[in-house]
Structures are given as C-alpha cells and as structure tokens.
Protein backbone atom coordinates (compact mmCIF):
# COMPACT_ATOMS: atom_id res chain seq x y z
CA UNK A 1 -19.06 -7.51 16.74
CA UNK A 2 -18.57 -4.40 18.74
CA UNK A 3 -19.24 -4.18 22.44
CA UNK A 4 -17.57 -4.37 25.80
CA UNK A 5 -14.43 -6.40 26.19
CA UNK A 6 -14.99 -9.32 28.52
CA UNK A 7 -11.42 -10.60 28.71
CA UNK A 8 -8.76 -8.87 30.82
CA UNK A 9 -5.82 -7.25 29.06
CA UNK A 10 -2.87 -9.65 28.76
CA UNK A 11 0.57 -8.92 27.40
CA UNK A 12 1.40 -11.12 24.42
CA UNK A 13 4.14 -11.32 21.78
CA UNK A 14 3.22 -11.52 18.11
CA UNK A 15 4.62 -12.83 14.87
CA UNK A 16 3.14 -12.14 11.46
CA UNK A 17 3.14 -14.96 8.91
CA UNK A 18 2.55 -13.10 5.64
CA UNK A 19 2.62 -16.22 3.49
CA UNK A 20 -0.26 -17.93 5.34
CA UNK A 21 -1.94 -14.62 6.29
CA UNK A 22 -1.84 -15.32 10.03
CA UNK A 23 -0.87 -13.46 13.15
CA UNK A 24 0.49 -15.84 15.76
CA UNK A 25 0.60 -14.87 19.41
CA UNK A 26 2.71 -16.18 22.24
CA UNK A 27 2.54 -15.94 26.03
CA UNK A 28 6.24 -15.20 26.37
CA UNK A 29 8.89 -13.67 24.16
CA UNK A 30 10.90 -16.90 24.00
CA UNK A 31 8.04 -19.39 23.66
CA UNK A 32 8.30 -21.63 20.63
CA UNK A 33 4.66 -22.76 20.58
CA UNK A 34 1.96 -20.24 19.74
CA UNK A 35 -0.90 -19.62 22.15
CA UNK A 36 -3.28 -18.76 19.32
CA UNK A 37 -3.70 -17.63 15.74
CA UNK A 38 -5.65 -14.85 14.08
CA UNK A 39 -6.37 -15.27 10.37
CA UNK A 40 -5.95 -12.06 8.37
CA UNK A 41 -8.39 -11.97 5.50
CA UNK A 42 -9.25 -9.30 2.95
CA UNK A 43 -11.16 -6.07 3.59
CA UNK A 44 -14.18 -6.93 1.45
CA UNK A 45 -14.72 -9.99 3.69
CA UNK A 46 -14.75 -7.88 6.86
CA UNK A 47 -11.08 -7.89 7.88
CA UNK A 48 -9.49 -4.55 8.77
CA UNK A 49 -6.72 -3.05 10.89
CA UNK A 50 -7.31 0.49 12.15
CA UNK A 51 -5.19 2.91 14.10
CA UNK A 52 -7.02 4.03 17.23
CA UNK A 53 -6.49 6.12 20.33
CA UNK A 54 -8.07 4.26 23.24
CA UNK A 55 -10.08 6.27 25.75
CA UNK A 56 -8.75 4.11 28.56
CA UNK A 57 -5.49 2.31 27.75
CA UNK A 58 -6.09 -0.34 30.44
CA UNK A 59 -3.91 1.54 32.89
CA UNK A 60 -0.80 0.53 30.98
CA UNK A 61 1.93 2.69 29.51
CA UNK A 62 1.01 1.67 25.95
CA UNK A 63 -1.06 4.26 24.15
CA UNK A 64 -0.19 3.28 20.59
CA UNK A 65 -3.04 1.02 19.52
CA UNK A 66 -4.23 -0.92 16.49
CA UNK A 67 -7.64 -2.52 16.19
CA UNK A 68 -7.45 -5.68 14.05
CA UNK A 69 -11.00 -6.74 13.20
CA UNK A 70 -12.25 -10.05 11.84
CA UNK A 71 -15.86 -10.96 11.04
CA UNK A 72 -15.97 -12.86 14.35
CA UNK A 73 -14.02 -10.63 16.72
CA UNK A 74 -12.35 -7.29 17.34
CA UNK A 75 -8.90 -7.33 18.94
CA UNK A 76 -7.01 -4.56 20.73
CA UNK A 77 -3.31 -4.59 19.83
CA UNK A 78 -1.13 -2.17 21.81
CA UNK A 79 2.46 -1.17 21.16
CA UNK A 80 4.94 0.58 23.41
CA UNK A 81 6.15 2.97 20.72
CA UNK A 82 4.54 4.96 17.92
CA UNK A 83 7.15 3.70 15.43
CA UNK A 84 6.28 0.05 16.18
CA UNK A 85 2.58 0.81 15.80
CA UNK A 86 3.16 2.28 12.34
CA UNK A 87 5.29 -0.73 11.33
CA UNK A 88 2.65 -3.20 12.49
CA UNK A 89 -0.16 -1.26 10.84
CA UNK A 90 1.72 -1.20 7.54
CA UNK A 91 2.45 -4.93 7.83
CA UNK A 92 -1.25 -5.70 8.46
CA UNK A 93 -2.25 -3.62 5.47
CA UNK A 94 0.27 -5.32 3.17
CA UNK A 95 -1.06 -8.76 4.11
C-alpha cells in the first residue's frame, strides 16, 4: 500500500521482541505500556525492511531512515545516527 502519508510524523521509542516477532512502540522513553505493535512476518508474505533516503525528512534532523513494510501498511522509521540505522536494519532482517 504505497501512497501519501496521512498521519503527521511523531517521535516514538521502539523495542524489538525477536521471540514473538514484534516491534513495540512507546510514546515516551520511560513508558512501560506500549502504544502499539507491528508484527514482523517473513519476506515471502510481504514483510520487508528497506534502507531509504527520504526526499523530505519531515523537517527533522533525522535523515537515517528505514522503511518497514507489512502487507497492510508501510511505516517510516527514522534514526538520529547512521550506526543506529544499520543496527536496526540488521535486527529487522534477522527477525
């Protein structure tokens, strides 16, 4: 499902649960309850994580981006540093 993004960019904190194949996201760094969950499936079922360079990085300082894609939705995941982006991309690919 490609197209224009309708939701505004919001800063979130993430945790990757490799055992249950989920990415959990939180509103704040110290929140104990997740705001939402993204299931991470296998590539042949339409799940991917790609490294991208956004044309317009939402006016933010983050230019290191990953595009996790599920059959239902495409997400934009931005990191502050190139090293973190590579770590997250590798973690997605291992799951």
